[in-house]
Amino acid sequence: MKGRFTISRDNAKNTMYLQMNSLKPEDTAVYCCAAVPTAIRYRY
């Protein structure tokens, strides 16, 4: 995904984003977001 997709979030708006550029037919799929509660603010 590196170079074509960019993930970001706006905690003030309670929203996460995925910017997808240069899309290809093989990118066809159902895209889902998911969350995990954590007390470690720097961990993905």
All heavy atoms as atom14 arrays in JSON, in Angstrom:
{
  "sequence": "MKGRFTISRDNAKNTMYLQMNSLKPEDTAVYCCAAVPTAIRYRY",
  "atom14_mask": [
    [1, 1, 1, 1, 1, 1, 1, 1, 0, 0, 0, 0, 0, 0],
    [1, 1, 1, 1, 1, 1, 1, 1, 1, 0, 0, 0, 0, 0],
    [1, 1, 1, 1, 0, 0, 0, 0, 0, 0, 0, 0, 0, 0],
    [1, 1, 1, 1, 1, 1, 1, 1, 1, 1, 1, 0, 0, 0],
    [1, 1, 1, 1, 1, 1, 1, 1, 1, 1, 1, 0, 0, 0],
    [1, 1, 1, 1, 1, 1, 1, 0, 0, 0, 0, 0, 0, 0],
    [1, 1, 1, 1, 1, 1, 1, 1, 0, 0, 0, 0, 0, 0],
    [1, 1, 1, 1, 1, 1, 0, 0, 0, 0, 0, 0, 0, 0],
    [1, 1, 1, 1, 1, 1, 1, 1, 1, 1, 1, 0, 0, 0],
    [1, 1, 1, 1, 1, 1, 1, 1, 0, 0, 0, 0, 0, 0],
    [1, 1, 1, 1, 1, 1, 1, 1, 0, 0, 0, 0, 0, 0],
    [1, 1, 1, 1, 1, 0, 0, 0, 0, 0, 0, 0, 0, 0],
    [1, 1, 1, 1, 1, 1, 1, 1, 1, 0, 0, 0, 0, 0],
    [1, 1, 1, 1, 1, 1, 1, 1, 0, 0, 0, 0, 0, 0],
    [1, 1, 1, 1, 1, 1, 1, 0, 0, 0, 0, 0, 0, 0],
    [1, 1, 1, 1, 1, 1, 1, 1, 0, 0, 0, 0, 0, 0],
    [1, 1, 1, 1, 1, 1, 1, 1, 1, 1, 1, 1, 0, 0],
    [1, 1, 1, 1, 1, 1, 1, 1, 0, 0, 0, 0, 0, 0],
    [1, 1, 1, 1, 1, 1, 1, 1, 1, 0, 0, 0, 0, 0],
    [1, 1, 1, 1, 1, 1, 1, 1, 0, 0, 0, 0, 0, 0],
    [1, 1, 1, 1, 1, 1, 1, 1, 0, 0, 0, 0, 0, 0],
    [1, 1, 1, 1, 1, 1, 0, 0, 0, 0, 0, 0, 0, 0],
    [1, 1, 1, 1, 1, 1, 1, 1, 0, 0, 0, 0, 0, 0],
    [1, 1, 1, 1, 1, 1, 1, 1, 1, 0, 0, 0, 0, 0],
    [1, 1, 1, 1, 1, 1, 1, 0, 0, 0, 0, 0, 0, 0],
    [1, 1, 1, 1, 1, 1, 1, 1, 1, 0, 0, 0, 0, 0],
    [1, 1, 1, 1, 1, 1, 1, 1, 0, 0, 0, 0, 0, 0],
    [1, 1, 1, 1, 1, 1, 1, 0, 0, 0, 0, 0, 0, 0],
    [1, 1, 1, 1, 1, 0, 0, 0, 0, 0, 0, 0, 0, 0],
    [1, 1, 1, 1, 1, 1, 1, 0, 0, 0, 0, 0, 0, 0],
    [1, 1, 1, 1, 1, 1, 1, 1, 1, 1, 1, 1, 0, 0],
    [1, 1, 1, 1, 1, 1, 0, 0, 0, 0, 0, 0, 0, 0],
    [1, 1, 1, 1, 1, 1, 0, 0, 0, 0, 0, 0, 0, 0],
    [1, 1, 1, 1, 1, 0, 0, 0, 0, 0, 0, 0, 0, 0],
    [1, 1, 1, 1, 1, 0, 0, 0, 0, 0, 0, 0, 0, 0],
    [1, 1, 1, 1, 1, 1, 1, 0, 0, 0, 0, 0, 0, 0],
    [1, 1, 1, 1, 1, 1, 1, 0, 0, 0, 0, 0, 0, 0],
    [1, 1, 1, 1, 1, 1, 1, 0, 0, 0, 0, 0, 0, 0],
    [1, 1, 1, 1, 1, 0, 0, 0, 0, 0, 0, 0, 0, 0],
    [1, 1, 1, 1, 1, 1, 1, 1, 0, 0, 0, 0, 0, 0],
    [1, 1, 1, 1, 1, 1, 1, 1, 1, 1, 1, 0, 0, 0],
    [1, 1, 1, 1, 1, 1, 1, 1, 1, 1, 1, 1, 0, 0],
    [1, 1, 1, 1, 1, 1, 1, 1, 1, 1, 1, 0, 0, 0],
    [1, 1, 1, 1, 1, 1, 1, 1, 1, 1, 1, 1, 0, 0]
  ],
  "atom14_positions": [
    [[0.8, -1.22, 0.0], [0.0, 0.0, 0.0], [0.84, 1.27, 0.0], [0.33, 2.35, -0.27], [-0.92, 0.03, 1.22], [-1.88, -1.12, 1.29], [-2.95, -1.18, -0.15], [-2.66, -2.84, -0.72], [0.0, 0.0, 0.0], [0.0, 0.0, 0.0], [0.0, 0.0, 0.0], [0.0, 0.0, 0.0], [0.0, 0.0, 0.0], [0.0, 0.0, 0.0]],
    [[2.09, 1.14, 0.35], [2.93, 2.32, 0.5], [3.01, 3.1, -0.81], [3.19, 2.54, -1.88], [4.33, 1.92, 0.94], [4.42, 1.57, 2.4], [5.86, 1.33, 2.82], [5.96, 1.04, 4.3], [7.36, 0.79, 4.72], [0.0, 0.0, 0.0], [0.0, 0.0, 0.0], [0.0, 0.0, 0.0], [0.0, 0.0, 0.0], [0.0, 0.0, 0.0]],
    [[2.83, 4.41, -0.68], [2.96, 5.28, -1.84], [1.65, 5.61, -2.52], [1.55, 6.63, -3.18], [0.0, 0.0, 0.0], [0.0, 0.0, 0.0], [0.0, 0.0, 0.0], [0.0, 0.0, 0.0], [0.0, 0.0, 0.0], [0.0, 0.0, 0.0], [0.0, 0.0, 0.0], [0.0, 0.0, 0.0], [0.0, 0.0, 0.0], [0.0, 0.0, 0.0]],
    [[0.63, 4.75, -2.35], [-0.65, 5.03, -2.99], [-1.74, 5.39, -2.0], [-2.64, 6.15, -2.32], [-1.12, 3.82, -3.81], [-0.28, 3.52, -5.03], [-1.04, 2.6, -5.98], [-1.41, 1.33, -5.35], [-2.65, 0.83, -5.36], [-3.63, 1.49, -5.96], [-2.91, -0.33, -4.81], [0.0, 0.0, 0.0], [0.0, 0.0, 0.0], [0.0, 0.0, 0.0]],
    [[-1.67, 4.81, -0.8], [-2.72, 5.03, 0.2], [-2.14, 5.82, 1.37], [-1.0, 5.61, 1.77], [-3.24, 3.69, 0.72], [-4.05, 2.89, -0.28], [-4.17, 3.29, -1.6], [-4.69, 1.73, 0.12], [-4.92, 2.55, -2.52], [-5.44, 0.99, -0.78], [-5.55, 1.39, -2.09], [0.0, 0.0, 0.0], [0.0, 0.0, 0.0], [0.0, 0.0, 0.0]],
    [[-2.96, 6.69, 1.93], [-2.56, 7.48, 3.09], [-3.65, 7.43, 4.15], [-4.8, 7.77, 3.86], [-2.29, 8.94, 2.71], [-1.29, 9.01, 1.68], [-1.83, 9.74, 3.92], [0.0, 0.0, 0.0], [0.0, 0.0, 0.0], [0.0, 0.0, 0.0], [0.0, 0.0, 0.0], [0.0, 0.0, 0.0], [0.0, 0.0, 0.0], [0.0, 0.0, 0.0]],
    [[-3.27, 7.0, 5.34], [-4.22, 6.97, 6.46], [-4.02, 8.21, 7.31], [-2.89, 8.71, 7.45], [-4.01, 5.68, 7.3], [-5.1, 5.51, 8.33], [-2.62, 5.68, 7.96], [-5.04, 4.16, 9.07], [0.0, 0.0, 0.0], [0.0, 0.0, 0.0], [0.0, 0.0, 0.0], [0.0, 0.0, 0.0], [0.0, 0.0, 0.0], [0.0, 0.0, 0.0]],
    [[-5.1, 8.73, 7.86], [-5.03, 9.87, 8.74], [-6.24, 9.85, 9.66], [-7.18, 9.09, 9.44], [-4.97, 11.19, 7.96], [-6.13, 11.37, 7.18], [0.0, 0.0, 0.0], [0.0, 0.0, 0.0], [0.0, 0.0, 0.0], [0.0, 0.0, 0.0], [0.0, 0.0, 0.0], [0.0, 0.0, 0.0], [0.0, 0.0, 0.0], [0.0, 0.0, 0.0]],
    [[-6.22, 10.68, 10.67], [-7.36, 10.78, 11.58], [-7.46, 12.2, 12.11], [-6.46, 12.9, 12.21], [-7.24, 9.77, 12.71], [-6.09, 10.03, 13.67], [-5.94, 8.86, 14.67], [-7.06, 8.77, 15.58], [-7.36, 7.68, 16.3], [-6.59, 6.6, 16.18], [-8.39, 7.68, 17.12], [0.0, 0.0, 0.0], [0.0, 0.0, 0.0], [0.0, 0.0, 0.0]],
    [[-8.69, 12.56, 12.44], [-8.97, 13.84, 13.06], [-9.74, 13.55, 14.33], [-10.95, 13.29, 14.29], [-9.78, 14.73, 12.1], [-9.98, 16.13, 12.64], [-9.87, 16.34, 13.86], [-10.28, 17.01, 11.83], [0.0, 0.0, 0.0], [0.0, 0.0, 0.0], [0.0, 0.0, 0.0], [0.0, 0.0, 0.0], [0.0, 0.0, 0.0], [0.0, 0.0, 0.0]],
    [[-9.05, 13.55, 15.46], [-9.7, 13.19, 16.71], [-10.76, 14.2, 17.12], [-11.71, 13.84, 17.83], [-8.65, 13.03, 17.82], [-7.86, 11.73, 17.68], [-8.23, 10.84, 16.9], [-6.78, 11.6, 18.43], [0.0, 0.0, 0.0], [0.0, 0.0, 0.0], [0.0, 0.0, 0.0], [0.0, 0.0, 0.0], [0.0, 0.0, 0.0], [0.0, 0.0, 0.0]],
    [[-10.63, 15.44, 16.69], [-11.65, 16.44, 17.01], [-12.95, 16.16, 16.28], [-14.03, 16.56, 16.74], [-11.13, 17.83, 16.66], [0.0, 0.0, 0.0], [0.0, 0.0, 0.0], [0.0, 0.0, 0.0], [0.0, 0.0, 0.0], [0.0, 0.0, 0.0], [0.0, 0.0, 0.0], [0.0, 0.0, 0.0], [0.0, 0.0, 0.0], [0.0, 0.0, 0.0]],
    [[-12.86, 15.47, 15.13], [-14.05, 15.14, 14.34], [-14.46, 13.68, 14.49], [-15.39, 13.22, 13.81], [-13.81, 15.46, 12.87], [-13.61, 16.95, 12.6], [-13.43, 17.2, 11.11], [-13.28, 18.7, 10.84], [-13.1, 18.99, 9.39], [0.0, 0.0, 0.0], [0.0, 0.0, 0.0], [0.0, 0.0, 0.0], [0.0, 0.0, 0.0], [0.0, 0.0, 0.0]],
    [[-13.75, 12.94, 15.33], [-14.06, 11.51, 15.54], [-14.07, 10.74, 14.22], [-14.93, 9.87, 14.0], [-15.4, 11.33, 16.25], [-15.37, 11.86, 17.66], [-14.32, 12.08, 18.24], [-16.55, 12.1, 18.22], [0.0, 0.0, 0.0], [0.0, 0.0, 0.0], [0.0, 0.0, 0.0], [0.0, 0.0, 0.0], [0.0, 0.0, 0.0], [0.0, 0.0, 0.0]],
    [[-13.13, 11.04, 13.37], [-13.14, 10.47, 12.03], [-11.73, 10.06, 11.6], [-10.76, 10.76, 11.87], [-13.72, 11.46, 11.01], [-15.02, 11.86, 11.43], [-13.83, 10.83, 9.63], [0.0, 0.0, 0.0], [0.0, 0.0, 0.0], [0.0, 0.0, 0.0], [0.0, 0.0, 0.0], [0.0, 0.0, 0.0], [0.0, 0.0, 0.0], [0.0, 0.0, 0.0]],
    [[-11.68, 8.93, 10.9], [-10.44, 8.47, 10.29], [-10.64, 8.45, 8.78], [-11.77, 8.29, 8.3], [-10.1, 7.06, 10.79], [-8.88, 6.43, 10.13], [-8.5, 4.79, 10.74], [-9.9, 3.84, 10.16], [0.0, 0.0, 0.0], [0.0, 0.0, 0.0], [0.0, 0.0, 0.0], [0.0, 0.0, 0.0], [0.0, 0.0, 0.0], [0.0, 0.0, 0.0]],
    [[-9.55, 8.61, 8.06], [-9.64, 8.69, 6.6], [-8.65, 7.73, 5.94], [-7.63, 7.35, 6.53], [-9.31, 10.11, 6.12], [-10.15, 11.17, 6.76], [-9.68, 11.89, 7.86], [-11.43, 11.46, 6.28], [-10.45, 12.86, 8.47], [-12.21, 12.43, 6.89], [-11.71, 13.13, 7.98], [-12.48, 14.1, 8.57], [0.0, 0.0, 0.0], [0.0, 0.0, 0.0]],
    [[-8.97, 7.38, 4.71], [-8.03, 6.65, 3.86], [-8.08, 7.29, 2.48], [-9.07, 7.18, 1.78], [-8.37, 5.16, 3.76], [-7.36, 4.34, 2.96], [-6.03, 4.24, 3.72], [-7.89, 2.93, 2.67], [0.0, 0.0, 0.0], [0.0, 0.0, 0.0], [0.0, 0.0, 0.0], [0.0, 0.0, 0.0], [0.0, 0.0, 0.0], [0.0, 0.0, 0.0]],
    [[-7.01, 7.98, 2.15], [-6.87, 8.57, 0.82], [-6.24, 7.53, -0.1], [-5.16, 7.03, 0.19], [-6.0, 9.82, 0.87], [-5.74, 10.47, -0.48], [-7.0, 11.07, -1.09], [-7.8, 11.69, -0.39], [-7.19, 10.87, -2.39], [0.0, 0.0, 0.0], [0.0, 0.0, 0.0], [0.0, 0.0, 0.0], [0.0, 0.0, 0.0], [0.0, 0.0, 0.0]],
    [[-6.94, 7.21, -1.18], [-6.46, 6.19, -2.11], [-6.25, 6.83, -3.48], [-7.19, 7.38, -4.07], [-7.47, 5.05, -2.22], [-7.85, 4.44, -0.87], [-8.86, 2.97, -1.02], [-10.35, 3.66, -1.7], [0.0, 0.0, 0.0], [0.0, 0.0, 0.0], [0.0, 0.0, 0.0], [0.0, 0.0, 0.0], [0.0, 0.0, 0.0], [0.0, 0.0, 0.0]],
    [[-5.04, 6.76, -3.96], [-4.68, 7.34, -5.26], [-4.28, 6.25, -6.24], [-3.93, 5.13, -5.85], [-3.54, 8.33, -5.08], [-3.89, 9.49, -4.18], [-5.03, 9.94, -4.13], [-2.9, 9.98, -3.45], [0.0, 0.0, 0.0], [0.0, 0.0, 0.0], [0.0, 0.0, 0.0], [0.0, 0.0, 0.0], [0.0, 0.0, 0.0], [0.0, 0.0, 0.0]],
    [[-4.32, 6.6, -7.51], [-3.89, 5.68, -8.58], [-4.54, 4.31, -8.42], [-3.87, 3.27, -8.44], [-2.36, 5.54, -8.58], [-1.74, 6.79, -8.73], [0.0, 0.0, 0.0], [0.0, 0.0, 0.0], [0.0, 0.0, 0.0], [0.0, 0.0, 0.0], [0.0, 0.0, 0.0], [0.0, 0.0, 0.0], [0.0, 0.0, 0.0], [0.0, 0.0, 0.0]],
    [[-5.85, 4.32, -8.26], [-6.55, 3.07, -8.02], [-6.46, 2.12, -9.21], [-6.41, 2.55, -10.37], [-8.01, 3.36, -7.68], [-8.22, 3.9, -6.26], [-9.58, 4.55, -6.12], [-8.05, 2.78, -5.24], [0.0, 0.0, 0.0], [0.0, 0.0, 0.0], [0.0, 0.0, 0.0], [0.0, 0.0, 0.0], [0.0, 0.0, 0.0], [0.0, 0.0, 0.0]],
    [[-6.41, 0.83, -8.87], [-6.29, -0.22, -9.86], [-7.48, -1.16, -9.75], [-8.09, -1.25, -8.67], [-5.0, -1.02, -9.61], [-3.74, -0.17, -9.54], [-2.55, -1.02, -9.11], [-1.29, -0.17, -8.98], [-0.12, -0.98, -8.55], [0.0, 0.0, 0.0], [0.0, 0.0, 0.0], [0.0, 0.0, 0.0], [0.0, 0.0, 0.0], [0.0, 0.0, 0.0]],
    [[-7.81, -1.89, -10.8], [-8.92, -2.84, -10.7], [-8.75, -3.84, -9.55], [-9.74, -4.23, -8.93], [-8.89, -3.53, -12.07], [-8.34, -2.49, -12.99], [-7.31, -1.76, -12.18], [0.0, 0.0, 0.0], [0.0, 0.0, 0.0], [0.0, 0.0, 0.0], [0.0, 0.0, 0.0], [0.0, 0.0, 0.0], [0.0, 0.0, 0.0], [0.0, 0.0, 0.0]],
    [[-7.53, -4.21, -9.25], [-7.3, -5.16, -8.16], [-7.54, -4.55, -6.77], [-7.5, -5.27, -5.77], [-5.9, -5.76, -8.22], [-4.78, -4.74, -8.36], [-4.36, -4.52, -9.81], [-5.25, -4.42, -10.69], [-3.13, -4.41, -10.03], [0.0, 0.0, 0.0], [0.0, 0.0, 0.0], [0.0, 0.0, 0.0], [0.0, 0.0, 0.0], [0.0, 0.0, 0.0]],
    [[-7.8, -3.26, -6.71], [-8.18, -2.63, -5.44], [-9.67, -2.81, -5.15], [-10.14, -2.41, -4.08], [-7.86, -1.13, -5.46], [-6.36, -0.86, -5.5], [-5.6, -1.57, -4.79], [-5.95, 0.05, -6.24], [0.0, 0.0, 0.0], [0.0, 0.0, 0.0], [0.0, 0.0, 0.0], [0.0, 0.0, 0.0], [0.0, 0.0, 0.0], [0.0, 0.0, 0.0]],
    [[-10.4, -3.36, -6.08], [-11.83, -3.61, -5.88], [-12.04, -4.53, -4.69], [-11.49, -5.63, -4.64], [-12.45, -4.22, -7.14], [-12.37, -3.27, -8.21], [-13.9, -4.62, -6.9], [0.0, 0.0, 0.0], [0.0, 0.0, 0.0], [0.0, 0.0, 0.0], [0.0, 0.0, 0.0], [0.0, 0.0, 0.0], [0.0, 0.0, 0.0], [0.0, 0.0, 0.0]],
    [[-12.83, -4.06, -3.72], [-13.04, -4.8, -2.47], [-14.04, -4.05, -1.6], [-14.42, -2.92, -1.91], [-11.73, -4.96, -1.71], [0.0, 0.0, 0.0], [0.0, 0.0, 0.0], [0.0, 0.0, 0.0], [0.0, 0.0, 0.0], [0.0, 0.0, 0.0], [0.0, 0.0, 0.0], [0.0, 0.0, 0.0], [0.0, 0.0, 0.0], [0.0, 0.0, 0.0]],
    [[-14.43, -4.68, -0.51], [-15.15, -3.99, 0.56], [-14.11, -3.47, 1.55], [-13.28, -4.25, 2.04], [-16.15, -4.91, 1.26], [-16.78, -4.2, 2.45], [-17.23, -5.36, 0.27], [0.0, 0.0, 0.0], [0.0, 0.0, 0.0], [0.0, 0.0, 0.0], [0.0, 0.0, 0.0], [0.0, 0.0, 0.0], [0.0, 0.0, 0.0], [0.0, 0.0, 0.0]],
    [[-14.15, -2.19, 1.82], [-13.2, -1.56, 2.71], [-13.86, -1.31, 4.06], [-14.94, -0.71, 4.12], [-12.69, -0.25, 2.1], [-11.72, -0.48, 0.97], [-12.16, -1.0, -0.25], [-10.37, -0.2, 1.12], [-11.27, -1.24, -1.28], [-9.47, -0.43, 0.08], [-9.92, -0.95, -1.11], [-9.04, -1.18, -2.14], [0.0, 0.0, 0.0], [0.0, 0.0, 0.0]],
    [[-13.19, -1.75, 5.12], [-13.73, -1.65, 6.47], [-12.75, -0.93, 7.37], [-11.53, -1.06, 7.2], [-13.98, -3.02, 7.07], [-15.15, -4.04, 6.19], [0.0, 0.0, 0.0], [0.0, 0.0, 0.0], [0.0, 0.0, 0.0], [0.0, 0.0, 0.0], [0.0, 0.0, 0.0], [0.0, 0.0, 0.0], [0.0, 0.0, 0.0], [0.0, 0.0, 0.0]],
    [[-13.3, -0.22, 8.34], [-12.44, 0.32, 9.38], [-12.68, -0.46, 10.67], [-13.72, -1.1, 10.84], [-12.69, 1.81, 9.6], [-14.36, 2.26, 10.09], [0.0, 0.0, 0.0], [0.0, 0.0, 0.0], [0.0, 0.0, 0.0], [0.0, 0.0, 0.0], [0.0, 0.0, 0.0], [0.0, 0.0, 0.0], [0.0, 0.0, 0.0], [0.0, 0.0, 0.0]],
    [[-11.71, -0.41, 11.54], [-11.78, -1.16, 12.79], [-11.05, -0.39, 13.88], [-10.18, 0.44, 13.6], [-11.17, -2.54, 12.61], [0.0, 0.0, 0.0], [0.0, 0.0, 0.0], [0.0, 0.0, 0.0], [0.0, 0.0, 0.0], [0.0, 0.0, 0.0], [0.0, 0.0, 0.0], [0.0, 0.0, 0.0], [0.0, 0.0, 0.0], [0.0, 0.0, 0.0]],
    [[-11.42, -0.7, 15.13], [-10.88, 0.02, 16.27], [-10.45, -0.94, 17.37], [-11.06, -2.0, 17.56], [-11.92, 0.99, 16.81], [0.0, 0.0, 0.0], [0.0, 0.0, 0.0], [0.0, 0.0, 0.0], [0.0, 0.0, 0.0], [0.0, 0.0, 0.0], [0.0, 0.0, 0.0], [0.0, 0.0, 0.0], [0.0, 0.0, 0.0], [0.0, 0.0, 0.0]],
    [[-9.43, -0.54, 18.09], [-8.99, -1.29, 19.27], [-8.75, -0.29, 20.39], [-8.02, 0.69, 20.2], [-7.73, -2.13, 18.97], [-6.64, -1.3, 18.33], [-7.22, -2.79, 20.23], [0.0, 0.0, 0.0], [0.0, 0.0, 0.0], [0.0, 0.0, 0.0], [0.0, 0.0, 0.0], [0.0, 0.0, 0.0], [0.0, 0.0, 0.0], [0.0, 0.0, 0.0]],
    [[-9.38, -0.49, 21.56], [-9.14, 0.43, 22.67], [-7.72, 0.27, 23.19], [-7.21, -0.85, 23.3], [-10.18, 0.0, 23.72], [-10.49, -1.42, 23.39], [-10.31, -1.57, 21.91], [0.0, 0.0, 0.0], [0.0, 0.0, 0.0], [0.0, 0.0, 0.0], [0.0, 0.0, 0.0], [0.0, 0.0, 0.0], [0.0, 0.0, 0.0], [0.0, 0.0, 0.0]],
    [[-7.08, 1.37, 23.51], [-5.72, 1.32, 23.98], [-5.39, 2.51, 24.86], [-5.86, 3.61, 24.62], [-4.73, 1.26, 22.79], [-3.39, 1.2, 23.28], [-4.87, 2.49, 21.9], [0.0, 0.0, 0.0], [0.0, 0.0, 0.0], [0.0, 0.0, 0.0], [0.0, 0.0, 0.0], [0.0, 0.0, 0.0], [0.0, 0.0, 0.0], [0.0, 0.0, 0.0]],
    [[-4.55, 2.27, 25.84], [-4.05, 3.34, 26.69], [-2.67, 3.81, 26.21], [-2.12, 4.76, 26.76], [-3.97, 2.88, 28.14], [0.0, 0.0, 0.0], [0.0, 0.0, 0.0], [0.0, 0.0, 0.0], [0.0, 0.0, 0.0], [0.0, 0.0, 0.0], [0.0, 0.0, 0.0], [0.0, 0.0, 0.0], [0.0, 0.0, 0.0], [0.0, 0.0, 0.0]],
    [[-2.15, 3.13, 25.19], [-0.82, 3.45, 24.67], [-0.99, 4.32, 23.44], [-1.3, 3.83, 22.35], [-0.03, 2.17, 24.33], [0.0, 1.24, 25.54], [1.39, 2.54, 23.9], [0.6, -0.12, 25.24], [0.0, 0.0, 0.0], [0.0, 0.0, 0.0], [0.0, 0.0, 0.0], [0.0, 0.0, 0.0], [0.0, 0.0, 0.0], [0.0, 0.0, 0.0]],
    [[-0.81, 5.6, 23.57], [-1.19, 6.54, 22.52], [-0.33, 6.45, 21.28], [-0.75, 6.84, 20.2], [-1.16, 7.97, 23.07], [-2.25, 8.23, 24.1], [-2.24, 9.65, 24.58], [-2.25, 10.64, 23.52], [-3.32, 10.98, 22.83], [-4.47, 10.38, 23.03], [-3.24, 11.92, 21.89], [0.0, 0.0, 0.0], [0.0, 0.0, 0.0], [0.0, 0.0, 0.0]],
    [[0.87, 5.9, 21.4], [1.77, 5.88, 20.25], [1.77, 4.54, 19.53], [2.48, 4.36, 18.55], [3.2, 6.17, 20.7], [3.72, 5.2, 21.72], [4.25, 3.96, 21.34], [3.67, 5.5, 23.08], [4.71, 3.06, 22.28], [4.13, 4.59, 24.02], [4.65, 3.39, 23.62], [5.1, 2.5, 24.56], [0.0, 0.0, 0.0], [0.0, 0.0, 0.0]],
    [[1.0, 3.59, 19.97], [1.03, 2.24, 19.41], [-0.02, 2.06, 18.32], [-1.19, 2.43, 18.5], [0.82, 1.2, 20.5], [0.88, -0.21, 19.94], [0.68, -1.26, 21.02], [0.64, -2.61, 20.41], [0.46, -3.74, 21.09], [0.31, -3.69, 22.41], [0.43, -4.9, 20.47], [0.0, 0.0, 0.0], [0.0, 0.0, 0.0], [0.0, 0.0, 0.0]],
    [[0.39, 1.45, 17.2], [-0.57, 0.98, 16.22], [-0.63, -0.54, 16.31], [0.25, -1.18, 16.89], [-0.22, 1.43, 14.8], [1.15, 1.01, 14.33], [1.45, -0.31, 13.98], [2.17, 1.95, 14.2], [2.7, -0.68, 13.56], [3.43, 1.58, 13.76], [3.69, 0.27, 13.45], [4.93, -0.1, 13.03], [0.0, 0.0, 0.0], [0.0, 0.0, 0.0]]
  ]
}
